[in-house]
Amino acid sequence: MEKAYYKKGQGGCLKRKITEEDIIKFAEVTGDFNSVHINKEKAEKTVFGKQIAHGMMTASLISAVLGTVFPGEGTIYLGQKMNFKKPVYIGDTITARVEIIEVKQNGKARLMTNVFNQNGECVIDGEAEVKLP
């Protein structure tokens, strides 16, 4: 089997449209039933003006990219730093992108991790460390 070589600038992305069903399912899995996510009437009275997706649900798309798109199968997610910049609303189409910023000698890599909405606005920015496959 040929060994994969990784270099700075390589990356991948994954796109998903956020639905109310996604938000409800995430709440059921995590137990996070905060009304800003699951109650339309209460969410309308918040600073967001309507329901928003859980920040960690949005961030989980980064994990999906790492494990299935790039670097892909066999990647081990070691750590993540991130900043939530903007809310994600029902109906938004978000794109999670990762890009290698450093390949280390020990088989690990640092990656830039960003999530953008359909308007190109950054909703999450951050950095991850992975063990490359």
Protein backbone atom coordinates (compact mmCIF):
# COMPACT_ATOMS: atom_id res chain seq x y z
CA MET A 1 0.00 0.00 0.00
CA GLU A 2 1.36 3.41 -0.97
CA LYS A 3 1.96 5.89 1.85
CA ALA A 4 0.03 9.17 1.66
CA TYR A 5 2.00 12.39 1.79
CA TYR A 6 0.50 15.54 3.18
CA LYS A 7 1.64 19.12 2.72
CA LYS A 8 0.67 22.64 3.72
CA GLY A 9 -2.33 23.97 1.81
CA GLN A 10 -4.07 20.64 1.24
CA GLY A 11 -7.62 20.41 2.52
CA GLY A 12 -11.23 19.53 1.98
CA CYS A 13 -14.77 20.64 2.67
CA LEU A 14 -18.30 19.42 3.31
CA LYS A 15 -21.57 21.29 2.74
CA ARG A 16 -24.92 20.81 4.50
CA LYS A 17 -28.26 22.63 4.64
CA ILE A 18 -29.45 22.95 8.25
CA THR A 19 -33.03 21.87 8.90
CA GLU A 20 -35.26 22.10 11.94
CA GLU A 21 -35.24 18.30 12.01
CA ASP A 22 -31.42 18.33 12.28
CA ILE A 23 -31.66 20.66 15.28
CA ILE A 24 -34.30 18.52 17.01
CA LYS A 25 -32.29 15.33 16.43
CA PHE A 26 -29.14 16.99 17.80
CA ALA A 27 -31.06 18.14 20.89
CA GLU A 28 -32.36 14.60 21.41
CA VAL A 29 -28.86 13.11 21.16
CA THR A 30 -27.17 15.68 23.41
CA GLY A 31 -29.98 16.61 25.79
CA ASP A 32 -29.49 20.30 24.94
CA PHE A 33 -33.09 21.50 24.69
CA ASN A 34 -32.27 25.21 25.07
CA SER A 35 -35.32 27.08 23.78
CA VAL A 36 -33.20 29.23 21.44
CA HIS A 37 -32.75 26.03 19.43
CA ILE A 38 -36.09 24.24 19.71
CA ASN A 39 -38.81 26.77 20.57
CA LYS A 40 -39.75 29.16 17.76
CA GLU A 41 -41.75 31.58 19.94
CA LYS A 42 -39.12 31.87 22.66
CA ALA A 43 -36.28 32.08 20.15
CA GLU A 44 -37.98 35.04 18.44
CA LYS A 45 -37.64 36.99 21.71
CA THR A 46 -33.87 36.48 21.89
CA VAL A 47 -31.06 38.56 20.42
CA PHE A 48 -31.04 36.16 17.44
CA GLY A 49 -34.66 36.85 16.49
CA LYS A 50 -35.33 33.23 15.51
CA GLN A 51 -34.19 29.67 16.15
CA ILE A 52 -30.52 28.91 15.74
CA ALA A 53 -28.56 25.69 15.35
CA HIS A 54 -26.48 24.48 18.26
CA GLY A 55 -22.92 25.77 17.95
CA MET A 56 -21.54 22.30 18.54
CA MET A 57 -23.82 20.84 15.88
CA THR A 58 -22.33 23.29 13.40
CA ALA A 59 -18.83 22.51 14.67
CA SER A 60 -19.42 18.78 14.26
CA LEU A 61 -19.22 19.25 10.50
CA ILE A 62 -15.51 19.92 10.99
CA SER A 63 -15.20 16.44 12.50
CA ALA A 64 -17.11 15.01 9.55
CA VAL A 65 -14.67 16.61 7.10
CA LEU A 66 -11.66 15.30 9.01
CA GLY A 67 -12.94 11.75 9.24
CA THR A 68 -14.55 11.32 5.83
CA VAL A 69 -13.22 13.87 3.34
CA PHE A 70 -9.75 15.09 4.31
CA PRO A 71 -7.47 13.71 5.59
CA GLY A 72 -10.20 11.03 5.73
CA GLU A 73 -10.55 7.50 7.05
CA GLY A 74 -8.08 6.76 9.83
CA THR A 75 -7.63 10.38 10.93
CA ILE A 76 -7.58 10.78 14.70
CA TYR A 77 -8.97 14.09 15.99
CA LEU A 78 -6.69 15.21 18.84
CA GLY A 79 -7.81 18.73 19.65
CA GLN A 80 -9.76 21.78 18.55
CA LYS A 81 -9.74 25.49 19.32
CA MET A 82 -12.64 27.47 17.88
CA ASN A 83 -14.53 30.72 18.00
CA PHE A 84 -18.23 31.03 17.29
CA LYS A 85 -18.56 34.16 15.15
CA LYS A 86 -22.16 34.20 13.89
CA PRO A 87 -25.33 32.18 14.45
CA VAL A 88 -26.50 29.50 12.03
CA TYR A 89 -30.22 29.57 11.26
CA ILE A 90 -32.66 26.97 9.99
CA GLY A 91 -32.34 26.94 6.21
CA ASP A 92 -28.70 28.09 6.16
CA THR A 93 -26.33 26.09 4.00
CA ILE A 94 -23.01 25.80 5.77
CA THR A 95 -19.65 24.66 4.45
CA ALA A 96 -16.98 23.30 6.78
CA ARG A 97 -13.44 23.65 5.42
CA VAL A 98 -10.15 22.33 6.72
CA GLU A 99 -6.68 23.12 5.44
CA ILE A 100 -3.27 21.92 6.60
CA ILE A 101 -1.19 24.74 8.02
CA GLU A 102 1.63 22.57 9.40
CA VAL A 103 2.71 18.96 8.98
CA LYS A 104 4.73 17.80 11.97
CA GLN A 105 7.47 15.15 11.99
CA ASN A 106 5.51 12.96 14.41
CA GLY A 107 2.70 12.18 11.97
CA LYS A 108 0.50 14.94 13.29
CA ALA A 109 -0.77 18.07 11.56
CA ARG A 110 -2.26 21.43 12.49
CA LEU A 111 -5.24 22.43 10.38
CA MET A 112 -7.15 25.64 9.92
CA THR A 113 -10.84 24.87 10.50
CA ASN A 114 -13.57 27.22 9.30
CA VAL A 115 -17.30 27.03 8.75
CA PHE A 116 -19.01 29.48 6.38
CA ASN A 117 -22.66 30.17 5.66
CA GLN A 118 -24.19 30.50 2.20
CA ASN A 119 -23.23 34.21 2.14
CA GLY A 120 -19.55 33.41 2.63
CA GLU A 121 -19.62 34.71 6.21
CA CYS A 122 -17.41 32.86 8.68
CA VAL A 123 -19.59 31.39 11.45
CA ILE A 124 -16.79 29.39 13.13
CA ASP A 125 -13.05 29.80 12.90
CA GLY A 126 -10.45 27.71 14.59
CA GLU A 127 -7.58 25.30 14.49
CA ALA A 128 -7.38 21.54 14.97
CA GLU A 129 -4.66 19.02 15.60
CA VAL A 130 -4.94 15.55 14.09
CA LYS A 131 -2.94 12.36 13.79
CA LEU A 132 -2.73 11.75 10.08
CA PRO A 133 -3.81 8.36 8.70
